[in-house]
Every structure is written in C-alpha cells, then in structure tokens.
Amino acid sequence: MQHTQQREVPERISWARALIFAVGFFFIAAILIGQIPGYVFTEMTAASLDGLERGLLGLGVVMLAGFTIIQVIVLLFDPKPLIPPIIFTLLGAVSAIAGFALTVWSSLFGNQYFPSVNTSILPLLGGKFLWFQPNVIDFVMLGLAILTVGLAMIFYSILAIREQSNPDRRDPGTTPGIRLLIIASSILLVIFLVVYTYVNNEGLAIAWFGAKGAEAGLRYINFGASIFLGLAILLASAAFLLRLHYLMRPVRKRTMAPLYAVGALGLAQSAAILILAWIVIYPLIAWMHTWSFIGLNSYLTVCSKSELIPASCTFSQQAGYIIDTAVTSASFGLLMGAIWAWKSHRNLVIVGSFVTVGVVAFATLLLHTAPDQLLVAFLLCGAMLVLVTIWTSVARREFAVIGENNLGCLGQWLIFGTCLFIYLGAFAYFSIPEWAPENEPNIPFVSGLLVPPPTPAGSVPLVGTADAIVMLVLMAILGGLQFYFLTRNRYKV
C-alpha cells in the first residue's frame, strides 16, 4: 500500500491582522528608535542637568513599577501560588490611596519638585540636597507610579480570587466588556482632544483667575482635566490588562517564564541602571571634567563658568551622540532580535512587545508631568494603551486561516493605501505635543482656537492652529474606511 506524506498547512494570516501587527511594531520602532534616543540627547545636552536627572529617575521608576506588577502576576497566577490574593488587595488599596494622596498634595499645593532653590540639606558639590540639583525629584511622577501599581494589584488580585472558584481557563477573546472599555476610553480621549483643540489650558487659567492667579489656576484646571483623562487611562488599562490576562491564561505554563524574564532581566535590570545613573550622574560629570587625557574633559563636558564646577557643567554634543548611538543601537538590536526569535520564542516576543508598549505609554506620562505637558502626556498615554489593547486582540490565534480570497489588485491597493494613511496619521500624531526642543512638530499645532495660549512678553501673539488634528482625523477616517473593506473581503497572506 502506497503511503503519501501529508503536507503541512502553511501558517497563514489575514492581511487585516497582519496590518494591525505591523502598525504596532511601527509605533514601537518609532518610539524606541526615534523618540527615546532624541529625548535622551536633548536632555543630556541641555543647559542644565535637572531635566536629565528627572528623566533618569522617571524611566527607572516606570520600569521598577512594571517589574513590580509582573511580580504580582507571577505570584498570583503561578500554578502553585504562594501568597493569598487578599494580601495583594490590601496592599494595593494602601498603595493606591498613598499614591493618590501624594499626587493631590504635590500637584494642587505647588509641591511638585524637590529640592527647591531654597533647600539646604547636607549640601555637597554645590547641591541643594546632598549633590542633587533643584527640581530633580518629581513627586507627581512618584505619586502616579505608586497609584498605578496599587490599582494593578487590586485588579489582578480580584481576577485571582475569581479564578479560585472558577475552573474556566479558556481564552474568550475580546469580550463585549473589553470592547466597551475600549470604546468608552476612546470616546473620552476624543472629547478631550476636541476640547483641547479649541481651549488652551494656560489661556483658560488666565481668563478665569487673572494674571496673578494664573499659576494656581492652571494647577486646578490641570487637576480637573487629569481626573477626566485618568478615567480614560483607567478604562484603557483595564481593557489591556484583562485582554492580556485572557491571552496568557490557557498557556500560562508557557508564558509565565517569558513574562518573568521580561520583568527580571529586562525591566528590573534597566531600572537599577537608570536609578544608579540618576544618583551618580552629577558627581560623575564633576569627575569627567578632570579627565585631561587627550582633552576628554572638554570633549565630553561643557562648563559655562569655570568657577562653578560642576554646577554649570553639562554634557557636550559629542557625549550626547555617543549615548544616543548606544540607545538607538540597543533598541534596533532588540527589534531585530524579536524578528529573529519570532518562530522559536513567539511567546517571549509577544509578551515582551506588549509589556514594552505598556511601559512606554506610562513612561510618556510620567516623564512629562510639568503643567504645560501633563494633559497632552495623558492623551498620548491613553492612545498608546488603546493601541496595545487592540494589538492583543489579534494576537489570539493570529495564524488561523480565516479567509481564502487572494489579494488581487484591489486588495493590494487597500494594503498600500491603509499603510500610507497610517504613516501620514503618525506624523500628525507625533506633532500634537508642543514640547520643543524635545519634540519638533512635523505639522503645525497650537492648542486654543477659541481660547488661545498666553503670549510671552515681546512676542508675536500665538494663534490656535489645528492642522495636525485635522490631518489626524482625516487620515483616521480614510484609513479606517479602507481597513473596513480589507477586513470585509477576508484576504489571506
């Protein structure tokens, strides 16, 4: 009897799902290779080191918070959990209350930064608190981080308590509840985006509280808007965490180890390096200024006043280029490594990618808590969380054969056109932050079509400009329309 060898069915994926994966990796690449290295270079070569020190501490705290949340997941959902879930519920409640109280105290009462210019606690090397410069510790950032960890503890402990009485370990996919959370969060973000386009928060503070009370008024306005945007981020975070929980649940034995590796070897180690750099960066630049060998002191450092060293010192552009290259190369290497490891370590790539986007989303918020940046940071953080939630939705059985239609000429245009609209929309998306020189906008945008921002003395009056928003909305409509037809025809790769 003749035996025929059965051919393996090739892994196939619909073009709609492939496009969502591509968009997710596109934004990861744009942020890791474009935005973060540019941010590091800008802060390193700024006139003072306080921005760099805040950035190092902020990134370290974000990664430490991510590692803490991963540890909670591992301890709660290990096949043999060691700690009762109720313990994390109580710890999460305490952390959430403490983080919220710290955020309110620091944002509403003008206590956001420490040390102040008048602080004098064991000053060393010209510092205000030990060797630290003014404003290098951001209490709003710390409060939001503690609040986030506390809420995540409560969320996952509740899921663990439910699982103790429910043997179901299947992945239900994107449930109606998750869809409702995504829709509600998106609606809140769109409402804020429309309001922010027409009303500038700084201009509104002057209109309501006058020039003398504008600073305090801005804090009150930002706090109220932050509550609104915080609800949007809370809904998006709940959708993302719940979807990731469902995604990992059926294959928890295969995904728990990669998740722990991402947390322990990636986030924890990076957090330790960044926090250590935050501690030693100021004494380090004082030491580097003594490197007279082949002129390294003047090559790597710049000091504006010879009598104020290291108080007037910062890093040179050459030092910024070196670190910028290192950060860009490391990010590029991780992305290329993910492509190489996709077949053999798919769980590690998927879990690592989702965790990376979540960390980047909260890093965008916690690194931009200044009054003139906070609201846009909330907006960008919420948009990234919505993106990664949709991304996790297509990660379930991504190689399932869901259509047999060949791409054809029309399908090729739908792919090309959708990618083009996403690419152009991304230019508008990254033009919304008015964070010069950190973020140079590609398309003009100035908040305040009806209530414009205040005009600095001796400057030309600022006029609200909504070009970036108009382009973003237009590209979203056109891209969404083409994506609808791409999904409807169920084209295969």
Protein backbone atom coordinates (compact mmCIF):
# COMPACT_ATOMS: atom_id res chain seq x y z
CA MET A 1 0.00 0.00 0.00
CA GLN A 2 1.42 3.31 -1.01
CA HIS A 3 1.73 5.91 1.74
CA THR A 4 1.63 9.56 0.84
CA GLN A 5 3.24 12.15 3.04
CA GLN A 6 0.77 14.78 4.19
CA ARG A 7 1.96 18.29 3.51
CA GLU A 8 1.91 20.66 6.44
CA VAL A 9 -0.55 23.51 6.17
CA PRO A 10 1.47 26.72 5.93
CA GLU A 11 0.92 29.34 8.56
CA ARG A 12 -1.43 31.89 7.15
CA ILE A 13 -2.75 35.14 8.49
CA SER A 14 -5.28 37.58 7.14
CA TRP A 15 -3.94 40.85 5.81
CA ALA A 16 -6.13 42.75 8.29
CA ARG A 17 -4.45 41.04 11.24
CA ALA A 18 -1.03 41.39 9.65
CA LEU A 19 -1.63 45.11 9.24
CA ILE A 20 -2.51 45.54 12.92
CA PHE A 21 0.68 43.72 13.89
CA ALA A 22 2.66 45.93 11.51
CA VAL A 23 1.16 49.12 12.96
CA GLY A 24 2.05 48.01 16.48
CA PHE A 25 5.66 47.29 15.58
CA PHE A 26 5.80 50.52 13.57
CA PHE A 27 4.93 52.55 16.64
CA ILE A 28 7.35 50.57 18.80
CA ALA A 29 10.12 51.26 16.28
CA ALA A 30 9.18 54.94 16.01
CA ILE A 31 9.26 55.42 19.77
CA LEU A 32 12.25 53.25 20.67
CA ILE A 33 14.44 54.29 17.74
CA GLY A 34 13.13 57.81 17.13
CA GLN A 35 11.60 59.42 20.20
CA ILE A 36 13.53 57.98 23.18
CA PRO A 37 17.07 58.50 21.75
CA GLY A 38 16.10 62.04 20.75
CA TYR A 39 14.77 62.69 24.26
CA VAL A 40 18.00 61.39 25.84
CA PHE A 41 20.17 63.53 23.54
CA THR A 42 18.11 66.66 24.20
CA GLU A 43 18.25 66.28 27.97
CA MET A 44 21.95 65.39 28.01
CA THR A 45 22.97 68.47 26.05
CA ALA A 46 20.56 70.90 27.75
CA ALA A 47 21.84 73.92 29.67
CA SER A 48 21.47 72.09 33.00
CA LEU A 49 21.30 68.51 34.20
CA ASP A 50 17.99 68.74 36.08
CA GLY A 51 15.94 67.51 33.09
CA LEU A 52 18.29 64.57 32.54
CA GLU A 53 18.18 63.65 36.23
CA ARG A 54 14.36 63.79 36.29
CA GLY A 55 14.28 61.67 33.13
CA LEU A 56 16.62 59.03 34.54
CA LEU A 57 14.61 58.79 37.75
CA GLY A 58 11.31 58.75 35.86
CA LEU A 59 12.37 55.95 33.49
CA GLY A 60 13.79 53.98 36.41
CA VAL A 61 10.59 54.33 38.42
CA VAL A 62 8.42 53.32 35.44
CA MET A 63 10.47 50.17 34.84
CA LEU A 64 10.53 49.36 38.54
CA ALA A 65 6.74 49.73 38.65
CA GLY A 66 6.42 47.44 35.62
CA PHE A 67 8.64 44.85 37.29
CA THR A 68 6.54 45.06 40.47
CA ILE A 69 3.31 44.45 38.53
CA ILE A 70 4.88 41.47 36.74
CA GLN A 71 5.98 40.04 40.07
CA VAL A 72 2.41 40.36 41.34
CA ILE A 73 1.14 38.47 38.27
CA VAL A 74 3.70 35.71 38.72
CA LEU A 75 2.95 35.32 42.44
CA LEU A 76 -0.82 35.31 41.92
CA PHE A 77 -1.13 33.11 38.84
CA ASP A 78 1.71 30.67 39.30
CA PRO A 79 0.36 27.09 39.14
CA LYS A 80 1.09 26.90 42.87
CA PRO A 81 0.57 30.46 44.21
CA LEU A 82 2.40 31.24 47.43
CA ILE A 83 0.53 34.33 48.64
CA PRO A 84 -3.26 34.65 49.10
CA PRO A 85 -4.80 37.20 46.68
CA ILE A 86 -6.45 39.15 49.50
CA ILE A 87 -2.98 40.22 50.68
CA PHE A 88 -2.40 42.00 47.37
CA THR A 89 -5.87 43.53 47.54
CA LEU A 90 -5.00 45.16 50.86
CA LEU A 91 -1.50 46.19 49.72
CA GLY A 92 -2.95 47.60 46.51
CA ALA A 93 -5.56 49.63 48.38
CA VAL A 94 -2.89 51.13 50.65
CA SER A 95 -0.61 51.89 47.68
CA ALA A 96 -3.42 53.42 45.62
CA ILE A 97 -4.52 55.70 48.48
CA ALA A 98 -0.94 56.75 49.23
CA GLY A 99 -0.18 57.42 45.54
CA PHE A 100 -3.37 59.44 45.06
CA ALA A 101 -2.70 61.47 48.21
CA LEU A 102 0.86 62.21 47.12
CA THR A 103 -0.32 63.24 43.65
CA VAL A 104 -3.01 65.57 45.03
CA TRP A 105 -0.66 67.12 47.61
CA SER A 106 2.13 67.75 45.12
CA SER A 107 0.01 68.96 42.20
CA LEU A 108 -2.56 71.17 43.93
CA PHE A 109 -0.32 72.82 46.51
CA GLY A 110 2.73 73.58 44.41
CA ASN A 111 4.97 70.90 45.92
CA GLN A 112 5.72 69.02 42.73
CA TYR A 113 9.52 69.23 42.72
CA PHE A 114 12.22 68.67 45.34
CA PRO A 115 14.65 70.07 46.33
CA SER A 116 13.71 73.70 45.81
CA VAL A 117 16.16 76.51 45.18
CA ASN A 118 15.96 77.42 48.88
CA THR A 119 16.61 73.90 50.19
CA SER A 120 19.86 73.30 52.04
CA ILE A 121 20.19 69.75 53.41
CA LEU A 122 23.75 68.44 53.69
CA PRO A 123 24.85 70.25 50.51
CA LEU A 124 27.75 68.69 48.58
CA LEU A 125 29.40 69.82 45.31
CA GLY A 126 27.13 72.85 45.23
CA GLY A 127 23.93 70.81 45.50
CA LYS A 128 20.80 71.65 47.47
CA PHE A 129 20.13 68.21 48.92
CA LEU A 130 23.40 66.30 49.03
CA TRP A 131 24.69 66.78 45.46
CA PHE A 132 21.23 66.89 43.85
CA GLN A 133 20.27 69.97 41.88
CA PRO A 134 16.91 71.75 42.29
CA ASN A 135 13.78 70.06 40.92
CA VAL A 136 15.31 66.64 40.23
CA ILE A 137 12.67 64.68 42.22
CA ASP A 138 9.14 64.83 40.81
CA PHE A 139 6.51 63.95 43.41
CA VAL A 140 3.68 63.92 40.85
CA MET A 141 5.57 61.27 38.90
CA LEU A 142 6.16 59.22 42.04
CA GLY A 143 2.54 59.54 43.13
CA LEU A 144 1.18 58.43 39.76
CA ALA A 145 3.57 55.47 39.69
CA ILE A 146 2.55 54.31 43.19
CA LEU A 147 -1.13 54.81 42.29
CA THR A 148 -0.74 52.71 39.13
CA VAL A 149 0.97 49.85 40.96
CA GLY A 150 -1.73 49.88 43.65
CA LEU A 151 -4.58 49.75 41.14
CA ALA A 152 -2.86 46.94 39.21
CA MET A 153 -2.51 44.94 42.45
CA ILE A 154 -6.21 45.33 43.19
CA PHE A 155 -7.18 44.43 39.61
CA TYR A 156 -5.13 41.24 39.41
CA SER A 157 -5.96 40.14 42.96
CA ILE A 158 -9.67 40.32 42.11
CA LEU A 159 -9.06 38.21 39.00
CA ALA A 160 -7.13 35.69 41.12
CA ILE A 161 -9.93 35.49 43.69
CA ARG A 162 -12.45 34.83 40.90
CA GLU A 163 -10.28 32.07 39.46
CA GLN A 164 -10.18 30.25 42.80
CA SER A 165 -13.89 29.44 42.42
CA ASN A 166 -13.98 29.23 38.62
CA PRO A 167 -12.12 26.39 36.87
CA ASP A 168 -12.50 28.01 33.42
CA ARG A 169 -9.06 28.69 31.91
CA ARG A 170 -10.01 29.31 28.28
CA ASP A 171 -9.39 32.47 26.30
CA PRO A 172 -12.78 34.06 25.49
CA GLY A 173 -11.14 36.53 23.11
CA THR A 174 -12.14 40.16 23.02
CA THR A 175 -15.27 40.06 25.13
CA PRO A 176 -18.09 42.64 24.97
CA GLY A 177 -16.81 44.06 28.26
CA ILE A 178 -13.35 44.65 26.80
CA ARG A 179 -14.87 46.26 23.71
CA LEU A 180 -16.99 48.51 25.91
CA LEU A 181 -13.90 49.58 27.88
CA ILE A 182 -12.01 50.37 24.66
CA ILE A 183 -14.93 52.34 23.21
CA ALA A 184 -15.54 54.31 26.41
CA SER A 185 -11.85 55.16 26.78
CA SER A 186 -11.59 56.22 23.13
CA ILE A 187 -14.66 58.45 23.43
CA LEU A 188 -13.21 60.21 26.48
CA LEU A 189 -9.89 60.76 24.69
CA VAL A 190 -11.64 62.16 21.60
CA ILE A 191 -13.76 64.51 23.73
CA PHE A 192 -10.66 65.86 25.43
CA LEU A 193 -8.82 66.21 22.11
CA VAL A 194 -11.66 68.30 20.67
CA VAL A 195 -11.91 70.49 23.78
CA TYR A 196 -8.12 70.94 23.95
CA THR A 197 -8.03 71.96 20.30
CA TYR A 198 -10.40 74.83 20.99
CA VAL A 199 -9.44 75.76 24.58
CA ASN A 200 -5.86 76.11 25.78
CA ASN A 201 -5.46 75.27 29.46
CA GLU A 202 -2.95 78.06 30.16
CA GLY A 203 -5.12 80.62 28.39
CA LEU A 204 -8.16 79.41 30.30
CA ALA A 205 -6.30 79.80 33.60
CA ILE A 206 -5.57 83.46 32.80
CA ALA A 207 -9.17 84.05 31.65
CA TRP A 208 -10.64 82.58 34.83
CA PHE A 209 -8.11 83.52 37.52
CA GLY A 210 -6.33 86.55 36.05
CA ALA A 211 -2.61 87.01 35.56
CA LYS A 212 -1.83 86.94 39.29
CA GLY A 213 -3.70 83.73 40.00
CA ALA A 214 -2.89 82.00 36.71
CA GLU A 215 -0.27 79.68 38.20
CA ALA A 216 -2.58 78.32 40.90
CA GLY A 217 -5.50 78.31 38.47
CA LEU A 218 -3.52 76.24 35.99
CA ARG A 219 -2.90 73.64 38.70
CA TYR A 220 -6.63 73.42 39.44
CA ILE A 221 -7.57 73.16 35.76
CA ASN A 222 -4.93 70.54 35.08
CA PHE A 223 -6.05 68.53 38.11
CA GLY A 224 -9.68 68.52 36.95
CA ALA A 225 -8.70 67.58 33.39
CA SER A 226 -6.35 64.91 34.77
CA ILE A 227 -9.24 63.27 36.61
CA PHE A 228 -11.17 63.11 33.33
CA LEU A 229 -8.20 61.77 31.38
CA GLY A 230 -7.22 59.48 34.25
CA LEU A 231 -10.61 57.79 33.89
CA ALA A 232 -9.89 57.23 30.20
CA ILE A 233 -6.48 55.72 31.02
CA LEU A 234 -8.03 53.60 33.78
CA LEU A 235 -10.56 52.15 31.32
CA ALA A 236 -7.91 51.54 28.65
CA SER A 237 -5.57 49.95 31.20
CA ALA A 238 -8.34 47.65 32.46
CA ALA A 239 -9.08 46.55 28.89
CA PHE A 240 -5.39 45.93 28.17
CA LEU A 241 -4.68 44.02 31.40
CA LEU A 242 -7.83 41.94 31.08
CA ARG A 243 -7.12 41.09 27.45
CA LEU A 244 -3.51 40.16 28.28
CA HIS A 245 -4.78 38.03 31.17
CA TYR A 246 -7.13 36.12 28.87
CA LEU A 247 -4.43 35.75 26.24
CA MET A 248 -1.98 34.15 28.68
CA ARG A 249 -4.49 32.08 30.68
CA PRO A 250 -4.77 28.93 28.51
CA VAL A 251 -0.99 28.73 28.00
CA ARG A 252 0.11 30.08 31.35
CA LYS A 253 2.80 27.42 31.81
CA ARG A 254 4.46 28.56 28.58
CA THR A 255 4.02 32.31 29.05
CA MET A 256 4.77 32.79 32.74
CA ALA A 257 8.51 32.15 32.32
CA PRO A 258 8.88 34.65 29.42
CA LEU A 259 6.89 37.21 31.41
CA TYR A 260 9.17 36.78 34.41
CA ALA A 261 12.23 37.01 32.14
CA VAL A 262 10.99 40.31 30.68
CA GLY A 263 10.41 41.69 34.17
CA ALA A 264 13.51 40.39 35.97
CA LEU A 265 16.09 40.52 33.18
CA GLY A 266 14.68 43.47 31.28
CA LEU A 267 12.76 45.93 33.45
CA ALA A 268 14.41 45.29 36.82
CA GLN A 269 17.97 45.43 35.49
CA SER A 270 17.25 48.55 33.43
CA ALA A 271 15.56 50.21 36.42
CA ALA A 272 18.61 49.53 38.60
CA ILE A 273 20.97 51.01 35.99
CA LEU A 274 18.82 54.11 35.47
CA ILE A 275 18.30 54.83 39.18
CA LEU A 276 22.02 54.32 39.82
CA ALA A 277 22.78 56.72 36.95
CA TRP A 278 20.36 59.25 38.50
CA ILE A 279 22.27 59.04 41.78
CA VAL A 280 25.80 59.35 40.36
CA ILE A 281 25.32 61.48 37.22
CA TYR A 282 26.16 64.77 38.95
CA PRO A 283 29.32 63.57 40.75
CA LEU A 284 30.24 61.73 37.54
CA ILE A 285 30.29 64.88 35.43
CA ALA A 286 32.45 66.58 38.07
CA TRP A 287 34.88 63.66 37.82
CA MET A 288 34.76 63.63 34.00
CA HIS A 289 35.74 67.29 33.94
CA THR A 290 39.09 66.24 35.41
CA TRP A 291 39.85 63.87 32.52
CA SER A 292 42.66 65.88 30.94
CA PHE A 293 43.90 62.88 28.92
CA ILE A 294 43.85 63.91 25.20
CA GLY A 295 41.32 66.60 26.08
CA LEU A 296 38.46 64.29 27.08
CA ASN A 297 37.26 66.79 29.70
CA SER A 298 36.39 69.45 27.12
CA TYR A 299 35.32 66.80 24.58
CA LEU A 300 32.70 65.15 26.80
CA THR A 301 31.67 68.01 29.10
CA VAL A 302 30.81 71.69 28.72
CA CYS A 303 31.07 74.12 31.66
CA SER A 304 29.80 77.66 31.16
CA LYS A 305 31.51 79.09 34.28
CA SER A 306 34.94 77.95 35.37
CA GLU A 307 34.27 78.99 38.95
CA LEU A 308 31.07 76.88 39.14
CA ILE A 309 32.13 73.29 38.53
CA PRO A 310 30.14 71.05 38.31
CA ALA A 311 27.13 73.35 38.91
CA SER A 312 27.47 74.96 35.46
CA CYS A 313 28.52 71.74 33.66
CA THR A 314 26.56 69.58 31.27
CA PHE A 315 27.39 67.03 28.61
CA SER A 316 28.71 68.07 25.23
CA GLN A 317 27.05 67.19 21.95
CA GLN A 318 29.77 64.61 21.32
CA ALA A 319 28.85 62.80 24.56
CA GLY A 320 25.19 63.05 23.57
CA TYR A 321 25.92 61.48 20.19
CA ILE A 322 27.76 58.59 21.86
CA ILE A 323 24.91 57.78 24.26
CA ASP A 324 22.32 58.41 21.54
CA THR A 325 24.05 55.86 19.32
CA ALA A 326 24.18 53.33 22.16
CA VAL A 327 20.45 53.72 22.94
CA THR A 328 19.46 53.57 19.26
CA SER A 329 21.64 50.51 18.62
CA ALA A 330 20.25 48.67 21.64
CA SER A 331 16.66 49.41 20.58
CA PHE A 332 17.37 48.39 16.98
CA GLY A 333 19.05 45.21 18.18
CA LEU A 334 16.01 44.29 20.30
CA LEU A 335 13.66 44.81 17.35
CA MET A 336 15.82 42.72 15.02
CA GLY A 337 16.18 40.09 17.73
CA ALA A 338 12.38 39.93 18.04
CA ILE A 339 12.07 39.23 14.30
CA TRP A 340 14.72 36.50 14.53
CA ALA A 341 13.13 34.90 17.61
CA TRP A 342 9.54 35.05 16.36
CA LYS A 343 9.36 31.43 15.22
CA SER A 344 11.25 29.78 18.07
CA HIS A 345 10.28 32.03 21.01
CA ARG A 346 6.97 33.50 19.93
CA ASN A 347 5.56 33.77 23.46
CA LEU A 348 8.59 35.76 24.59
CA VAL A 349 8.27 38.17 21.64
CA ILE A 350 4.53 38.70 22.10
CA VAL A 351 4.66 39.16 25.87
CA GLY A 352 7.77 41.33 25.64
CA SER A 353 6.22 43.52 22.95
CA PHE A 354 3.03 44.11 24.90
CA VAL A 355 4.91 44.88 28.11
CA THR A 356 7.22 47.26 26.22
CA VAL A 357 4.33 49.27 24.79
CA GLY A 358 2.65 49.45 28.20
CA VAL A 359 5.88 50.68 29.82
CA VAL A 360 6.46 53.22 27.03
CA ALA A 361 2.88 54.50 27.40
CA PHE A 362 3.26 55.18 31.12
CA ALA A 363 6.80 56.49 30.63
CA THR A 364 5.38 59.10 28.24
CA LEU A 365 3.03 60.22 31.01
CA LEU A 366 5.41 60.09 33.95
CA LEU A 367 8.26 61.86 32.15
CA HIS A 368 6.04 64.80 31.17
CA THR A 369 4.24 65.88 34.33
CA ALA A 370 5.11 69.56 34.01
CA PRO A 371 1.98 71.76 33.94
CA ASP A 372 2.47 72.65 30.26
CA GLN A 373 2.94 69.00 29.23
CA LEU A 374 0.75 66.92 31.54
CA LEU A 375 -2.54 66.93 29.63
CA VAL A 376 -1.01 66.00 26.27
CA ALA A 377 1.02 63.29 28.05
CA PHE A 378 -2.25 61.86 29.39
CA LEU A 379 -3.66 61.92 25.86
CA LEU A 380 -0.67 60.13 24.32
CA CYS A 381 -0.57 57.55 27.11
CA GLY A 382 -4.25 56.73 26.65
CA ALA A 383 -3.89 56.43 22.87
CA MET A 384 -0.95 54.00 23.25
CA LEU A 385 -2.91 51.85 25.71
CA VAL A 386 -5.86 51.67 23.30
CA LEU A 387 -3.45 50.67 20.53
CA VAL A 388 -1.82 47.88 22.56
CA THR A 389 -5.24 46.59 23.66
CA ILE A 390 -6.33 46.25 20.04
CA TRP A 391 -2.94 44.68 19.35
CA THR A 392 -3.51 42.00 21.98
CA SER A 393 -6.91 41.27 20.45
CA VAL A 394 -5.37 39.99 17.21
CA ALA A 395 -2.61 38.02 18.96
CA ARG A 396 -5.03 35.18 19.72
CA ARG A 397 -4.69 32.51 17.04
CA GLU A 398 -3.07 35.01 14.72
CA PHE A 399 -2.25 32.26 12.21
CA ALA A 400 -5.79 31.00 11.92
CA VAL A 401 -6.97 30.66 8.34
CA ILE A 402 -9.93 32.99 8.28
CA GLY A 403 -10.28 33.66 4.56
CA GLU A 404 -9.37 32.20 1.20
CA ASN A 405 -9.62 35.25 -1.06
CA ASN A 406 -6.46 36.12 -2.93
CA LEU A 407 -5.24 39.66 -2.52
CA GLY A 408 -5.64 40.82 -6.12
CA CYS A 409 -5.28 44.36 -7.44
CA LEU A 410 -7.95 45.88 -5.20
CA GLY A 411 -6.55 44.19 -2.12
CA GLN A 412 -3.05 45.44 -2.90
CA TRP A 413 -4.35 48.99 -3.11
CA LEU A 414 -6.19 48.56 0.20
CA ILE A 415 -2.94 47.42 1.85
CA PHE A 416 -0.87 50.22 0.34
CA GLY A 417 -3.46 52.92 0.96
CA THR A 418 -4.11 51.89 4.56
CA CYS A 419 -0.38 51.82 5.35
CA LEU A 420 0.05 55.23 3.71
CA PHE A 421 -2.77 56.77 5.74
CA ILE A 422 -1.40 55.27 8.96
CA TYR A 423 2.05 56.63 8.16
CA LEU A 424 0.73 60.14 7.45
CA GLY A 425 -1.52 59.99 10.51
CA ALA A 426 1.52 59.11 12.62
CA PHE A 427 3.17 62.38 11.54
CA ALA A 428 0.11 64.24 12.80
CA TYR A 429 0.00 62.15 15.98
CA PHE A 430 3.59 63.00 16.94
CA SER A 431 3.00 66.67 16.12
CA ILE A 432 0.42 67.16 18.88
CA PRO A 433 2.97 67.54 21.73
CA GLU A 434 4.28 71.11 21.88
CA TRP A 435 7.46 70.06 23.66
CA ALA A 436 10.15 71.98 21.81
CA PRO A 437 13.04 71.31 21.50
CA GLU A 438 12.36 67.72 22.62
CA ASN A 439 9.67 67.14 20.01
CA GLU A 440 9.87 69.12 16.78
CA PRO A 441 6.37 69.03 15.19
CA ASN A 442 6.05 67.94 11.58
CA ILE A 443 2.64 69.59 11.17
CA PRO A 444 1.63 72.84 12.90
CA PHE A 445 -0.48 72.53 16.03
CA VAL A 446 -1.18 75.13 18.71
CA SER A 447 -3.94 74.49 21.20
CA GLY A 448 -6.62 77.16 21.56
CA LEU A 449 -8.76 78.06 18.55
CA LEU A 450 -11.23 79.88 20.82
CA VAL A 451 -9.16 80.45 23.97
CA PRO A 452 -5.57 80.93 22.76
CA PRO A 453 -2.47 80.36 24.89
CA PRO A 454 -0.86 83.33 26.66
CA THR A 455 1.64 85.33 24.65
CA PRO A 456 5.08 85.86 26.21
CA ALA A 457 6.10 89.50 26.64
CA GLY A 458 7.57 90.98 23.49
CA SER A 459 6.48 88.07 21.30
CA VAL A 460 4.00 87.79 18.46
CA PRO A 461 0.56 86.70 19.76
CA LEU A 462 0.02 82.95 19.45
CA VAL A 463 -2.92 81.81 17.37
CA GLY A 464 -4.51 78.40 17.69
CA THR A 465 -3.65 76.06 14.83
CA ALA A 466 -5.41 72.73 14.34
CA ASP A 467 -3.64 71.44 11.21
CA ALA A 468 -2.29 68.32 12.96
CA ILE A 469 -5.71 67.43 14.39
CA VAL A 470 -7.46 67.91 11.05
CA MET A 471 -4.91 65.70 9.33
CA LEU A 472 -5.09 63.06 12.07
CA VAL A 473 -8.89 62.87 11.84
CA LEU A 474 -8.83 62.79 8.03
CA MET A 475 -6.20 60.03 7.91
CA ALA A 476 -8.08 58.05 10.57
CA ILE A 477 -11.31 58.19 8.57
CA LEU A 478 -9.67 57.26 5.27
CA GLY A 479 -7.51 54.55 6.83
CA GLY A 480 -10.46 53.13 8.79
CA LEU A 481 -12.64 53.06 5.66
CA GLN A 482 -10.03 51.13 3.69
CA PHE A 483 -9.36 48.83 6.63
CA TYR A 484 -13.08 48.03 6.80
CA PHE A 485 -13.11 46.80 3.21
CA LEU A 486 -9.84 44.94 3.80
CA THR A 487 -11.45 43.11 6.73
CA ARG A 488 -14.70 42.51 4.93
CA ASN A 489 -13.02 40.76 2.00
CA ARG A 490 -11.01 38.50 4.36
CA TYR A 491 -7.90 38.45 2.25
CA LYS A 492 -5.22 35.91 3.10
CA VAL A 493 -1.45 36.40 3.03
